Structures are given as C-alpha cells and as structure tokens.
Amino acid sequence: MIANRSVPSATVIPVLPYEDIVRASAWLCRAFGFTERLRIGDHRAQLVYGDGAVILTDRASEGRAALLVRVDDADRHHDQARKAGARILQPPADHPYGERQYTAEDLGGHVWTFSESIADVDPASWGGTLR
C-alpha cells in the first residue's frame, strides 16, 4: 500500500458527523487525547490516536456515521462487494487527494468507503492543512 500524506495510515477509520467540526475536534483532543493531524476547511478533520484514526465530517453534508477502510485494490474489492450484493453508492473513482475510492451500503444500511492510496499527495495541494 502506498503511503499518502492526505489520509491517516490506520486501516479502518470511523467517519463521524458533527454540527461543529472545530469544536468537536478540540473537545475530542482535550477529552480523549486525540491529536488533530489534518484540517480541511471547517467541514472535515482527521484525528489520530496511537495507530488509530477518526475522521470528523460536517453533519449537514454527511448525515450519519460511516467507515473508511483502506484496501490494496479498490477495483477488485468493489467487484467482490458488488457480487456479494452490496449496494454500490459511488463506483471506484480517482480523487485529487491521491485516493481511489468507492462507496457501498451494507445489508444494515451502513455506509462504507473503501480507499486505495494511488499517490502520495501533499494535503496543501487540495486545501488541507497538516497540523
């Protein structure tokens, strides 16, 4: 797997929506000992703790909790999920932050994004601010 500065190195990353990302990030860092590693405007933040991570999103744009899972081959993984009956919400696509991702819904209605690092991208090139 390619290392990419735009995404935490953890394999499974919860994605949690909050009304106020700045406030939530500060509180999670203070209360639970997380460290903010990346901020994307006021709508997204990445926090780390040891070798784990969590992504905070704006509740207005991402209404429910989800998961991001880093995989070695997004296309192969997508084919496996589709054949098993996963509802594909977004097919595999390359993104400017160096990730190839697809999003699926499982049988319980939970949203999963599977992400393959395809390049090491400096977050500043797409508007992220490393902390």
C-alpha atoms as a PDB file:
ATOM      1  CA  MET A   1       0.000   0.000   0.000  1.00  0.00           C
ATOM      2  CA  ILE A   2       1.318   3.437  -0.936  1.00  0.00           C
ATOM      3  CA  ALA A   3       1.779   5.858   1.955  1.00  0.00           C
ATOM      4  CA  ASN A   4      -0.229   9.041   1.329  1.00  0.00           C
ATOM      5  CA  ARG A   5       0.100  12.160   3.482  1.00  0.00           C
ATOM      6  CA  SER A   6      -3.538  13.021   2.716  1.00  0.00           C
ATOM      7  CA  VAL A   7      -5.001  10.058   4.631  1.00  0.00           C
ATOM      8  CA  PRO A   8      -4.258   8.549   8.067  1.00  0.00           C
ATOM      9  CA  SER A   9      -2.311   5.281   7.995  1.00  0.00           C
ATOM     10  CA  ALA A  10      -4.920   3.346  10.013  1.00  0.00           C
ATOM     11  CA  THR A  11      -6.694   0.575   8.088  1.00  0.00           C
ATOM     12  CA  VAL A  12     -10.233   1.098   9.438  1.00  0.00           C
ATOM     13  CA  ILE A  13     -11.296   4.679  10.162  1.00  0.00           C
ATOM     14  CA  PRO A  14     -14.684   5.687  11.616  1.00  0.00           C
ATOM     15  CA  VAL A  15     -16.231   8.752   9.973  1.00  0.00           C
ATOM     16  CA  LEU A  16     -18.350  10.693  12.478  1.00  0.00           C
ATOM     17  CA  PRO A  17     -20.622  13.660  11.701  1.00  0.00           C
ATOM     18  CA  TYR A  18     -20.706  16.707  13.990  1.00  0.00           C
ATOM     19  CA  GLU A  19     -22.526  20.045  13.920  1.00  0.00           C
ATOM     20  CA  ASP A  20     -19.304  21.983  14.627  1.00  0.00           C
ATOM     21  CA  ILE A  21     -16.083  20.322  13.457  1.00  0.00           C
ATOM     22  CA  VAL A  22     -13.750  22.843  15.103  1.00  0.00           C
ATOM     23  CA  ARG A  23     -15.458  22.472  18.481  1.00  0.00           C
ATOM     24  CA  ALA A  24     -15.729  18.672  18.196  1.00  0.00           C
ATOM     25  CA  SER A  25     -12.067  18.313  17.250  1.00  0.00           C
ATOM     26  CA  ALA A  26     -10.905  20.465  20.154  1.00  0.00           C
ATOM     27  CA  TRP A  27     -13.133  18.569  22.585  1.00  0.00           C
ATOM     28  CA  LEU A  28     -12.097  15.090  21.373  1.00  0.00           C
ATOM     29  CA  CYS A  29      -8.439  16.087  21.631  1.00  0.00           C
ATOM     30  CA  ARG A  30      -8.883  17.531  25.123  1.00  0.00           C
ATOM     31  CA  ALA A  31     -11.199  14.831  26.488  1.00  0.00           C
ATOM     32  CA  PHE A  32      -9.908  11.666  24.823  1.00  0.00           C
ATOM     33  CA  GLY A  33      -6.311  12.533  23.940  1.00  0.00           C
ATOM     34  CA  PHE A  34      -6.599  12.615  20.141  1.00  0.00           C
ATOM     35  CA  THR A  35      -4.294  14.817  18.053  1.00  0.00           C
ATOM     36  CA  GLU A  36      -5.595  16.680  15.036  1.00  0.00           C
ATOM     37  CA  ARG A  37      -3.430  15.695  12.063  1.00  0.00           C
ATOM     38  CA  LEU A  38      -5.275  17.427   9.225  1.00  0.00           C
ATOM     39  CA  ARG A  39      -7.987  20.057   8.836  1.00  0.00           C
ATOM     40  CA  ILE A  40      -9.953  20.606   5.647  1.00  0.00           C
ATOM     41  CA  GLY A  41     -11.638  23.992   5.971  1.00  0.00           C
ATOM     42  CA  ASP A  42     -14.308  23.904   8.658  1.00  0.00           C
ATOM     43  CA  HIS A  43     -16.084  20.821   7.253  1.00  0.00           C
ATOM     44  CA  ARG A  44     -13.641  17.959   7.834  1.00  0.00           C
ATOM     45  CA  ALA A  45     -10.817  16.963  10.186  1.00  0.00           C
ATOM     46  CA  GLN A  46      -8.647  13.913  10.727  1.00  0.00           C
ATOM     47  CA  LEU A  47      -7.680  12.960  14.267  1.00  0.00           C
ATOM     48  CA  VAL A  48      -5.179  10.303  15.332  1.00  0.00           C
ATOM     49  CA  TYR A  49      -4.567   8.357  18.496  1.00  0.00           C
ATOM     50  CA  GLY A  50      -1.664   5.904  18.504  1.00  0.00           C
ATOM     51  CA  ASP A  51      -2.008   3.930  15.276  1.00  0.00           C
ATOM     52  CA  GLY A  52      -5.756   4.625  15.073  1.00  0.00           C
ATOM     53  CA  ALA A  53      -7.690   7.468  13.480  1.00  0.00           C
ATOM     54  CA  VAL A  54     -11.123   9.042  13.179  1.00  0.00           C
ATOM     55  CA  ILE A  55     -12.461  11.443  10.569  1.00  0.00           C
ATOM     56  CA  LEU A  56     -14.896  14.190  11.579  1.00  0.00           C
ATOM     57  CA  THR A  57     -17.338  15.472   8.954  1.00  0.00           C
ATOM     58  CA  ASP A  58     -19.929  18.204   8.800  1.00  0.00           C
ATOM     59  CA  ARG A  59     -23.310  16.766   9.828  1.00  0.00           C
ATOM     60  CA  ALA A  60     -25.010  18.846   7.116  1.00  0.00           C
ATOM     61  CA  SER A  61     -23.120  17.066   4.341  1.00  0.00           C
ATOM     62  CA  GLU A  62     -22.639  13.630   5.920  1.00  0.00           C
ATOM     63  CA  GLY A  63     -25.738  12.945   7.989  1.00  0.00           C
ATOM     64  CA  ARG A  64     -24.758   9.616   9.508  1.00  0.00           C
ATOM     65  CA  ALA A  65     -21.723   7.763  10.787  1.00  0.00           C
ATOM     66  CA  ALA A  66     -19.771   5.731   8.236  1.00  0.00           C
ATOM     67  CA  LEU A  67     -16.500   3.838   7.892  1.00  0.00           C
ATOM     68  CA  LEU A  68     -13.450   4.340   5.700  1.00  0.00           C
ATOM     69  CA  VAL A  69     -11.417   1.190   5.049  1.00  0.00           C
ATOM     70  CA  ARG A  70      -8.034   1.291   3.343  1.00  0.00           C
ATOM     71  CA  VAL A  71      -7.588  -1.524   0.803  1.00  0.00           C
ATOM     72  CA  ASP A  72      -4.829  -2.614  -1.585  1.00  0.00           C
ATOM     73  CA  ASP A  73      -7.020  -2.733  -4.721  1.00  0.00           C
ATOM     74  CA  ALA A  74     -10.264  -0.729  -4.800  1.00  0.00           C
ATOM     75  CA  ASP A  75     -11.428  -2.185  -8.130  1.00  0.00           C
ATOM     76  CA  ARG A  76     -11.006  -5.794  -7.043  1.00  0.00           C
ATOM     77  CA  HIS A  77     -12.642  -5.033  -3.705  1.00  0.00           C
ATOM     78  CA  HIS A  78     -15.546  -3.267  -5.467  1.00  0.00           C
ATOM     79  CA  ASP A  79     -16.139  -6.294  -7.712  1.00  0.00           C
ATOM     80  CA  GLN A  80     -16.188  -8.612  -4.687  1.00  0.00           C
ATOM     81  CA  ALA A  81     -18.650  -6.379  -2.804  1.00  0.00           C
ATOM     82  CA  ARG A  82     -20.948  -5.962  -5.820  1.00  0.00           C
ATOM     83  CA  LYS A  83     -21.036  -9.731  -6.440  1.00  0.00           C
ATOM     84  CA  ALA A  84     -21.922 -10.284  -2.768  1.00  0.00           C
ATOM     85  CA  GLY A  85     -24.893  -7.912  -3.077  1.00  0.00           C
ATOM     86  CA  ALA A  86     -23.557  -4.668  -1.633  1.00  0.00           C
ATOM     87  CA  ARG A  87     -25.470  -1.635  -2.893  1.00  0.00           C
ATOM     88  CA  ILE A  88     -22.873   0.500  -4.667  1.00  0.00           C
ATOM     89  CA  LEU A  89     -23.472   4.190  -3.925  1.00  0.00           C
ATOM     90  CA  GLN A  90     -20.428   5.523  -5.791  1.00  0.00           C
ATOM     91  CA  PRO A  91     -18.304   3.405  -8.168  1.00  0.00           C
ATOM     92  CA  PRO A  92     -14.497   3.464  -7.983  1.00  0.00           C
ATOM     93  CA  ALA A  93     -13.059   6.856  -8.893  1.00  0.00           C
ATOM     94  CA  ASP A  94      -9.732   8.631  -8.504  1.00  0.00           C
ATOM     95  CA  HIS A  95      -9.603  11.725  -6.293  1.00  0.00           C
ATOM     96  CA  PRO A  96      -7.126  14.648  -6.251  1.00  0.00           C
ATOM     97  CA  TYR A  97      -6.011  13.753  -2.725  1.00  0.00           C
ATOM     98  CA  GLY A  98      -4.321  10.579  -4.014  1.00  0.00           C
ATOM     99  CA  GLU A  99      -7.018   8.011  -3.287  1.00  0.00           C
ATOM    100  CA  ARG A 100      -9.113   5.719  -5.494  1.00  0.00           C
ATOM    101  CA  GLN A 101     -12.383   5.121  -3.640  1.00  0.00           C
ATOM    102  CA  TYR A 102     -15.805   3.587  -3.931  1.00  0.00           C
ATOM    103  CA  THR A 103     -18.717   3.746  -1.504  1.00  0.00           C
ATOM    104  CA  ALA A 104     -21.205   0.998  -0.717  1.00  0.00           C
ATOM    105  CA  GLU A 105     -24.093   0.359   1.627  1.00  0.00           C
ATOM    106  CA  ASP A 106     -24.235  -2.913   3.556  1.00  0.00           C
ATOM    107  CA  LEU A 107     -27.292  -5.008   4.352  1.00  0.00           C
ATOM    108  CA  GLY A 108     -27.885  -2.963   7.528  1.00  0.00           C
ATOM    109  CA  GLY A 109     -27.849   0.365   5.681  1.00  0.00           C
ATOM    110  CA  HIS A 110     -24.365   1.320   6.933  1.00  0.00           C
ATOM    111  CA  VAL A 111     -22.167   3.298   4.552  1.00  0.00           C
ATOM    112  CA  TRP A 112     -18.622   2.118   3.814  1.00  0.00           C
ATOM    113  CA  THR A 113     -15.975   3.855   1.710  1.00  0.00           C
ATOM    114  CA  PHE A 114     -13.102   1.673   0.533  1.00  0.00           C
ATOM    115  CA  SER A 115      -9.963   3.601  -0.340  1.00  0.00           C
ATOM    116  CA  GLU A 116      -6.778   2.644  -2.184  1.00  0.00           C
ATOM    117  CA  SER A 117      -3.827   5.047  -1.975  1.00  0.00           C
ATOM    118  CA  ILE A 118      -2.633   5.690  -5.523  1.00  0.00           C
ATOM    119  CA  ALA A 119      -0.256   8.601  -4.866  1.00  0.00           C
ATOM    120  CA  ASP A 120       1.413  10.468  -2.031  1.00  0.00           C
ATOM    121  CA  VAL A 121      -0.231  13.896  -2.217  1.00  0.00           C
ATOM    122  CA  ASP A 122       0.630  16.941  -0.145  1.00  0.00           C
ATOM    123  CA  PRO A 123      -2.676  17.960   1.513  1.00  0.00           C
ATOM    124  CA  ALA A 124      -1.871  21.634   0.869  1.00  0.00           C
ATOM    125  CA  SER A 125      -2.315  20.959  -2.869  1.00  0.00           C
ATOM    126  CA  TRP A 126      -6.077  20.367  -2.376  1.00  0.00           C
ATOM    127  CA  GLY A 127      -6.812  22.667   0.561  1.00  0.00           C
ATOM    128  CA  GLY A 128      -5.862  20.552   3.583  1.00  0.00           C
ATOM    129  CA  THR A 129      -3.765  21.896   6.447  1.00  0.00           C
ATOM    130  CA  LEU A 130      -1.461  19.467   8.256  1.00  0.00           C
ATOM    131  CA  ARG A 131      -1.219  20.186  11.986  1.00  0.00           C
END
